[in-house]
């Protein structure tokens, strides 16, 4: 089967619905929300065969090396290209949320480090106060 790739990989986020993942299942709702069965981002390709010329499909990027049999025609996805577009929008939203989570994690770590530094300074200052008090008591 000859295939032409449309640009780069289209990594989608989320998971695939268990129903309707085989191209032989006709009439069932087929949804696409993200990853193939082995967990990788699926790729969007165009068929170059005589039986399906120019037809777009989505499959596992590792179909040659893995035993992942994920494959679906784009026109069989619930909503077609619109369904694929919705999945891409969800992917972008999820990526954005992931970036914010990474930023928050970094900020939490920074706050914890600053808290430790402040506690160490407080301990040092309390020690200095004890020393000064003992000097004052000794003098008077």
N, C-alpha and C. Protein backbone atom coordinates (compact mmCIF):
# COMPACT_ATOMS: atom_id res chain seq x y z
N UNK A 1 0.85 -1.17 0.00
CA UNK A 1 0.00 0.00 0.00
C UNK A 1 0.89 1.23 0.00
N UNK A 2 0.70 2.08 -0.93
CA UNK A 2 1.47 3.31 -1.01
C UNK A 2 0.75 4.40 -0.23
N UNK A 3 1.51 5.13 0.59
CA UNK A 3 0.89 6.18 1.40
C UNK A 3 1.71 7.45 1.30
N UNK A 4 1.02 8.58 1.26
CA UNK A 4 1.68 9.87 1.30
C UNK A 4 1.33 10.51 2.63
N UNK A 5 2.34 11.02 3.28
CA UNK A 5 2.12 11.67 4.57
C UNK A 5 1.73 13.12 4.37
N UNK A 6 0.82 13.60 5.17
CA UNK A 6 0.43 15.01 5.12
C UNK A 6 1.23 15.74 6.19
N UNK A 7 2.37 16.26 5.80
CA UNK A 7 3.19 17.03 6.74
C UNK A 7 3.75 16.15 7.83
N UNK A 8 3.77 16.68 9.02
CA UNK A 8 4.32 15.98 10.17
C UNK A 8 3.25 15.13 10.83
N UNK A 9 3.68 14.48 11.90
CA UNK A 9 2.75 13.70 12.69
C UNK A 9 1.69 14.59 13.29
N UNK A 10 0.48 14.11 13.33
CA UNK A 10 -0.58 14.83 14.03
C UNK A 10 -0.75 14.13 15.36
N UNK A 11 -0.06 14.58 16.37
CA UNK A 11 -0.20 13.98 17.69
C UNK A 11 -1.46 14.50 18.32
N UNK A 12 -2.33 13.60 18.71
CA UNK A 12 -3.56 13.97 19.37
C UNK A 12 -3.47 13.46 20.79
N UNK A 13 -4.17 14.09 21.68
CA UNK A 13 -4.09 13.70 23.08
C UNK A 13 -5.37 12.99 23.48
N UNK A 14 -5.28 12.13 24.48
CA UNK A 14 -6.44 11.42 24.97
C UNK A 14 -6.36 9.97 24.61
N UNK A 15 -7.49 9.33 24.42
CA UNK A 15 -7.48 7.92 24.09
C UNK A 15 -8.52 7.65 23.02
N UNK A 16 -8.44 6.47 22.44
CA UNK A 16 -9.34 6.08 21.38
C UNK A 16 -10.53 5.33 21.98
N UNK A 17 -11.68 5.58 21.44
CA UNK A 17 -12.86 4.84 21.86
C UNK A 17 -12.66 3.39 21.46
N UNK A 18 -13.03 2.47 22.32
CA UNK A 18 -12.86 1.05 22.03
C UNK A 18 -13.77 0.61 20.91
N UNK A 19 -14.91 1.26 20.77
CA UNK A 19 -15.82 0.86 19.71
C UNK A 19 -15.44 1.52 18.39
N UNK A 20 -15.62 0.80 17.32
CA UNK A 20 -15.44 1.38 16.01
C UNK A 20 -14.00 1.67 15.63
N UNK A 21 -13.07 0.88 16.12
CA UNK A 21 -11.68 1.14 15.78
C UNK A 21 -11.22 0.31 14.59
N UNK A 22 -11.98 -0.63 14.18
CA UNK A 22 -11.62 -1.44 13.03
C UNK A 22 -12.37 -0.92 11.81
N UNK A 23 -11.68 -0.92 10.66
CA UNK A 23 -12.32 -0.41 9.45
C UNK A 23 -13.41 -1.35 8.95
N UNK A 24 -13.46 -2.59 9.48
CA UNK A 24 -14.47 -3.53 9.02
C UNK A 24 -15.81 -3.32 9.72
N UNK A 25 -15.84 -2.56 10.79
CA UNK A 25 -17.09 -2.32 11.52
C UNK A 25 -17.83 -1.17 10.85
N UNK A 26 -18.85 -1.47 10.13
CA UNK A 26 -19.64 -0.45 9.43
C UNK A 26 -20.85 -0.07 10.28
N UNK A 27 -21.25 1.16 10.21
CA UNK A 27 -22.45 1.60 10.88
C UNK A 27 -22.25 1.97 12.34
N UNK A 28 -21.13 1.61 12.94
CA UNK A 28 -20.87 1.98 14.32
C UNK A 28 -20.26 3.37 14.37
N UNK A 29 -20.52 4.07 15.47
CA UNK A 29 -19.93 5.39 15.64
C UNK A 29 -18.43 5.22 15.89
N UNK A 30 -17.63 5.90 15.12
CA UNK A 30 -16.18 5.83 15.29
C UNK A 30 -15.70 7.20 15.71
N UNK A 31 -15.09 7.25 16.87
CA UNK A 31 -14.61 8.53 17.38
C UNK A 31 -13.10 8.52 17.45
N UNK A 32 -12.52 9.67 17.33
CA UNK A 32 -11.08 9.82 17.43
C UNK A 32 -10.82 10.89 18.47
N UNK A 33 -10.09 10.52 19.50
CA UNK A 33 -9.75 11.54 20.48
C UNK A 33 -8.30 11.43 20.87
N UNK A 34 -7.54 10.61 20.12
CA UNK A 34 -6.16 10.73 20.45
C UNK A 34 -5.08 9.78 20.13
N UNK A 35 -4.99 8.71 20.79
CA UNK A 35 -3.80 7.88 20.68
C UNK A 35 -4.19 6.49 20.20
N UNK A 36 -3.21 5.80 19.65
CA UNK A 36 -3.45 4.45 19.18
C UNK A 36 -3.46 3.50 20.38
N UNK A 37 -3.62 2.21 20.11
CA UNK A 37 -3.70 1.22 21.18
C UNK A 37 -2.42 1.12 22.00
N UNK A 38 -1.27 1.40 21.38
CA UNK A 38 0.00 1.30 22.12
C UNK A 38 0.37 2.61 22.80
N UNK A 39 -0.50 3.63 22.70
CA UNK A 39 -0.30 4.87 23.44
C UNK A 39 0.43 5.98 22.71
N UNK A 40 0.79 5.76 21.47
CA UNK A 40 1.49 6.80 20.71
C UNK A 40 0.49 7.71 20.01
N UNK A 41 0.93 8.93 19.67
CA UNK A 41 0.10 9.84 18.91
C UNK A 41 -0.08 9.30 17.50
N UNK A 42 -1.30 9.29 17.01
CA UNK A 42 -1.57 8.75 15.69
C UNK A 42 -1.06 9.68 14.60
N UNK A 43 -0.90 9.15 13.38
CA UNK A 43 -0.47 9.95 12.24
C UNK A 43 -1.58 9.99 11.20
N UNK A 44 -1.67 11.12 10.51
CA UNK A 44 -2.65 11.33 9.46
C UNK A 44 -1.94 11.13 8.13
N UNK A 45 -2.47 10.22 7.31
CA UNK A 45 -1.86 9.90 6.02
C UNK A 45 -2.92 9.85 4.93
N UNK A 46 -2.45 9.86 3.67
CA UNK A 46 -3.35 9.78 2.53
C UNK A 46 -3.01 8.53 1.74
N UNK A 47 -4.04 7.76 1.41
CA UNK A 47 -3.85 6.52 0.67
C UNK A 47 -3.46 6.82 -0.78
N UNK A 48 -2.58 5.98 -1.30
CA UNK A 48 -2.18 6.10 -2.69
C UNK A 48 -2.48 4.83 -3.46
N UNK A 49 -3.41 4.02 -2.94
CA UNK A 49 -3.74 2.76 -3.60
C UNK A 49 -4.78 2.97 -4.69
N UNK A 50 -4.93 1.97 -5.55
CA UNK A 50 -5.94 2.03 -6.60
C UNK A 50 -7.35 1.92 -6.03
N UNK A 51 -7.51 1.16 -4.95
CA UNK A 51 -8.84 0.97 -4.38
C UNK A 51 -9.31 2.16 -3.54
N UNK A 52 -8.39 2.90 -2.95
CA UNK A 52 -8.74 4.06 -2.11
C UNK A 52 -7.84 5.26 -2.43
N UNK A 53 -7.82 5.71 -3.68
CA UNK A 53 -6.90 6.80 -4.03
C UNK A 53 -7.27 8.11 -3.34
N UNK A 54 -6.29 8.72 -2.70
CA UNK A 54 -6.50 10.01 -2.07
C UNK A 54 -7.31 10.00 -0.79
N UNK A 55 -7.68 8.82 -0.31
CA UNK A 55 -8.50 8.73 0.90
C UNK A 55 -7.60 8.89 2.13
N UNK A 56 -8.03 9.73 3.07
CA UNK A 56 -7.24 10.01 4.26
C UNK A 56 -7.54 9.00 5.36
N UNK A 57 -6.51 8.64 6.11
CA UNK A 57 -6.69 7.71 7.23
C UNK A 57 -5.74 8.07 8.36
N UNK A 58 -6.03 7.49 9.52
CA UNK A 58 -5.22 7.69 10.72
C UNK A 58 -4.78 6.32 11.18
N UNK A 59 -3.50 6.22 11.57
CA UNK A 59 -2.99 4.93 12.06
C UNK A 59 -1.88 5.16 13.07
N UNK A 60 -1.44 4.07 13.67
CA UNK A 60 -0.33 4.10 14.62
C UNK A 60 0.95 4.47 13.88
N UNK A 61 1.79 5.34 14.45
CA UNK A 61 3.03 5.70 13.78
C UNK A 61 4.04 4.56 13.74
N UNK A 62 3.83 3.55 14.56
CA UNK A 62 4.78 2.43 14.63
C UNK A 62 4.20 1.15 14.03
N UNK A 63 3.32 1.28 13.05
CA UNK A 63 2.65 0.11 12.50
C UNK A 63 3.62 -0.91 11.91
N UNK A 64 4.79 -0.48 11.45
CA UNK A 64 5.75 -1.42 10.87
C UNK A 64 6.50 -2.21 11.93
N UNK A 65 6.77 -1.58 13.06
CA UNK A 65 7.61 -2.22 14.08
C UNK A 65 6.83 -2.76 15.27
N UNK A 66 5.63 -2.28 15.50
CA UNK A 66 4.83 -2.74 16.64
C UNK A 66 3.67 -3.57 16.12
N UNK A 67 3.03 -4.26 17.04
CA UNK A 67 1.88 -5.06 16.66
C UNK A 67 0.58 -4.30 16.92
N UNK A 68 0.64 -2.98 16.87
CA UNK A 68 -0.54 -2.15 17.09
C UNK A 68 -1.32 -2.10 15.78
N UNK A 69 -2.53 -2.52 15.80
CA UNK A 69 -3.35 -2.61 14.58
C UNK A 69 -4.32 -1.44 14.44
N UNK A 70 -4.04 -0.32 15.13
CA UNK A 70 -4.97 0.80 15.06
C UNK A 70 -4.96 1.41 13.67
N UNK A 71 -6.15 1.55 13.10
CA UNK A 71 -6.34 2.12 11.76
C UNK A 71 -7.78 2.59 11.65
N UNK A 72 -7.99 3.78 11.10
CA UNK A 72 -9.35 4.26 10.87
C UNK A 72 -9.32 5.26 9.71
N UNK A 73 -10.32 5.16 8.82
CA UNK A 73 -10.46 6.13 7.74
C UNK A 73 -11.03 7.41 8.32
N UNK A 74 -10.54 8.55 7.88
CA UNK A 74 -11.01 9.84 8.40
C UNK A 74 -12.49 10.02 8.11
N UNK A 75 -12.94 9.60 6.92
CA UNK A 75 -14.35 9.80 6.58
C UNK A 75 -15.28 8.88 7.37
N UNK A 76 -14.73 7.91 8.11
CA UNK A 76 -15.53 7.04 8.96
C UNK A 76 -15.53 7.50 10.41
N UNK A 77 -14.73 8.50 10.73
CA UNK A 77 -14.73 9.06 12.08
C UNK A 77 -16.02 9.83 12.25
N UNK A 78 -16.63 9.72 13.42
CA UNK A 78 -17.85 10.47 13.69
C UNK A 78 -17.58 11.95 13.48
N UNK A 79 -18.23 12.54 12.50
CA UNK A 79 -18.03 13.96 12.19
C UNK A 79 -16.96 14.19 11.13
N UNK A 80 -16.31 13.15 10.63
CA UNK A 80 -15.31 13.29 9.58
C UNK A 80 -14.19 14.24 9.96
N UNK A 81 -13.92 15.17 9.05
CA UNK A 81 -12.85 16.14 9.29
C UNK A 81 -13.16 17.01 10.50
N UNK A 82 -14.47 17.27 10.72
CA UNK A 82 -14.84 18.07 11.89
C UNK A 82 -14.48 17.32 13.17
N UNK A 83 -14.69 16.00 13.16
CA UNK A 83 -14.32 15.19 14.32
C UNK A 83 -12.82 15.21 14.55
N UNK A 84 -12.07 15.16 13.47
CA UNK A 84 -10.61 15.24 13.57
C UNK A 84 -10.20 16.62 14.09
N UNK A 85 -10.86 17.66 13.59
CA UNK A 85 -10.56 19.02 14.05
C UNK A 85 -10.87 19.17 15.54
N UNK A 86 -12.00 18.59 15.98
CA UNK A 86 -12.34 18.65 17.41
C UNK A 86 -11.26 17.97 18.24
N UNK A 87 -10.76 16.83 17.75
CA UNK A 87 -9.71 16.11 18.47
C UNK A 87 -8.45 16.96 18.55
N UNK A 88 -8.12 17.67 17.45
CA UNK A 88 -6.95 18.55 17.47
C UNK A 88 -7.13 19.70 18.45
N UNK A 89 -8.33 20.26 18.50
CA UNK A 89 -8.59 21.34 19.46
C UNK A 89 -8.44 20.82 20.88
N UNK A 90 -9.00 19.64 21.16
CA UNK A 90 -8.85 19.04 22.49
C UNK A 90 -7.39 18.81 22.81
N UNK A 91 -6.62 18.37 21.82
CA UNK A 91 -5.19 18.12 22.01
C UNK A 91 -4.48 19.42 22.40
N UNK A 92 -4.81 20.50 21.69
CA UNK A 92 -4.19 21.80 21.99
C UNK A 92 -4.58 22.28 23.37
N UNK A 93 -5.85 22.10 23.75
CA UNK A 93 -6.29 22.50 25.08
C UNK A 93 -5.58 21.68 26.14
N UNK A 94 -5.48 20.37 25.92
CA UNK A 94 -4.81 19.50 26.89
C UNK A 94 -3.33 19.85 26.99
N UNK A 95 -2.69 20.16 25.85
CA UNK A 95 -1.28 20.55 25.88
C UNK A 95 -1.11 21.84 26.65
N UNK A 96 -2.02 22.76 26.44
CA UNK A 96 -1.96 24.03 27.16
C UNK A 96 -2.10 23.81 28.65
N UNK A 97 -3.03 22.95 29.04
CA UNK A 97 -3.20 22.63 30.46
C UNK A 97 -1.94 21.96 31.00
N UNK A 98 -1.34 21.08 30.21
CA UNK A 98 -0.11 20.42 30.64
C UNK A 98 1.01 21.41 30.86
N UNK A 99 1.12 22.40 29.96
CA UNK A 99 2.15 23.43 30.12
C UNK A 99 1.92 24.23 31.39
N UNK A 100 0.66 24.55 31.67
CA UNK A 100 0.35 25.30 32.89
C UNK A 100 0.68 24.47 34.13
N UNK A 101 0.40 23.16 34.06
CA UNK A 101 0.72 22.29 35.19
C UNK A 101 2.22 22.25 35.43
N UNK A 102 3.01 22.19 34.36
CA UNK A 102 4.47 22.20 34.49
C UNK A 102 4.93 23.50 35.14
N UNK A 103 4.36 24.62 34.69
CA UNK A 103 4.71 25.92 35.28
C UNK A 103 4.34 25.96 36.75
N UNK A 104 3.15 25.45 37.09
CA UNK A 104 2.73 25.44 38.49
C UNK A 104 3.64 24.56 39.34
N UNK A 105 4.05 23.43 38.78
CA UNK A 105 4.95 22.55 39.51
C UNK A 105 6.27 23.25 39.78
N UNK A 106 6.79 23.96 38.79
CA UNK A 106 8.03 24.73 38.98
C UNK A 106 7.87 25.82 40.02
N UNK A 107 6.72 26.49 39.98
CA UNK A 107 6.47 27.55 40.96
C UNK A 107 6.33 26.97 42.36
N UNK A 108 5.68 25.81 42.48
CA UNK A 108 5.56 25.15 43.79
C UNK A 108 6.93 24.82 44.35
N UNK A 109 7.78 24.27 43.50
CA UNK A 109 9.13 23.91 43.93
C UNK A 109 9.90 25.16 44.38
N UNK A 110 9.76 26.25 43.63
CA UNK A 110 10.43 27.50 43.98
C UNK A 110 9.91 28.03 45.32
N UNK A 111 8.60 27.95 45.52
CA UNK A 111 8.01 28.40 46.79
C UNK A 111 8.54 27.54 47.94
N UNK A 112 8.62 26.23 47.74
CA UNK A 112 9.14 25.35 48.79
C UNK A 112 10.59 25.68 49.11
N UNK A 113 11.40 25.91 48.07
CA UNK A 113 12.80 26.25 48.29
C UNK A 113 12.92 27.57 49.04
N UNK A 114 12.11 28.55 48.66
CA UNK A 114 12.12 29.84 49.36
C UNK A 114 11.66 29.69 50.80
N UNK A 115 10.67 28.83 51.03
CA UNK A 115 10.19 28.59 52.39
C UNK A 115 11.30 28.01 53.26
N UNK A 116 12.05 27.07 52.70
CA UNK A 116 13.16 26.47 53.45
C UNK A 116 14.20 27.53 53.77
N UNK A 117 14.53 28.38 52.78
CA UNK A 117 15.50 29.45 53.02
C UNK A 117 15.02 30.39 54.11
N UNK A 118 13.74 30.75 54.08
CA UNK A 118 13.19 31.66 55.09
C UNK A 118 13.23 31.00 56.47
N UNK A 119 12.88 29.73 56.55
CA UNK A 119 12.92 29.03 57.84
C UNK A 119 14.35 28.97 58.38
N UNK A 120 15.33 28.76 57.50
CA UNK A 120 16.72 28.75 57.95
C UNK A 120 17.13 30.12 58.47
N UNK A 121 16.71 31.18 57.78
CA UNK A 121 17.02 32.54 58.24
C UNK A 121 16.36 32.82 59.58
N UNK A 122 15.11 32.39 59.74
CA UNK A 122 14.41 32.59 61.02
C UNK A 122 15.16 31.87 62.14
N UNK A 123 15.58 30.64 61.87
CA UNK A 123 16.34 29.90 62.88
C UNK A 123 17.63 30.61 63.25
N UNK A 124 18.33 31.12 62.25
CA UNK A 124 19.58 31.85 62.49
C UNK A 124 19.31 33.11 63.32
N UNK A 125 18.27 33.86 62.97
CA UNK A 125 17.92 35.08 63.71
C UNK A 125 17.50 34.76 65.14
N UNK A 126 16.78 33.68 65.33
CA UNK A 126 16.39 33.29 66.69
C UNK A 126 17.63 32.96 67.53
N UNK A 127 18.59 32.32 66.90
CA UNK A 127 19.85 32.03 67.60
C UNK A 127 20.58 33.31 67.99
N UNK A 128 20.61 34.28 67.07
CA UNK A 128 21.25 35.56 67.36
C UNK A 128 20.52 36.29 68.49
N UNK A 129 19.20 36.23 68.50
CA UNK A 129 18.41 36.87 69.57
C UNK A 129 18.75 36.23 70.92
N UNK A 130 18.86 34.90 70.97
CA UNK A 130 19.23 34.21 72.21
C UNK A 130 20.61 34.67 72.69
N UNK A 131 21.53 34.79 71.75
CA UNK A 131 22.89 35.23 72.10
C UNK A 131 22.86 36.65 72.67
N UNK A 132 22.15 37.55 72.03
CA UNK A 132 22.06 38.94 72.49
C UNK A 132 21.38 39.00 73.86
N UNK A 133 20.34 38.20 74.09
CA UNK A 133 19.66 38.17 75.39
C UNK A 133 20.63 37.71 76.49
N UNK A 134 21.40 36.70 76.17
CA UNK A 134 22.35 36.21 77.19
C UNK A 134 23.40 37.26 77.50
N UNK A 135 23.83 38.05 76.50
CA UNK A 135 24.78 39.13 76.75
C UNK A 135 24.15 40.20 77.66
N UNK A 136 22.89 40.54 77.34
CA UNK A 136 22.19 41.55 78.13
C UNK A 136 22.05 41.08 79.58
N UNK A 137 21.69 39.83 79.77
CA UNK A 137 21.54 39.29 81.13
C UNK A 137 22.88 39.30 81.84
N UNK A 138 23.93 38.97 81.13
CA UNK A 138 25.27 38.94 81.72
C UNK A 138 25.71 40.34 82.12
N UNK A 139 25.42 41.33 81.31
CA UNK A 139 25.83 42.71 81.57
C UNK A 139 25.07 43.27 82.77
N UNK A 140 23.83 43.01 82.93
CA UNK A 140 23.03 43.58 84.01
C UNK A 140 23.03 42.63 85.13
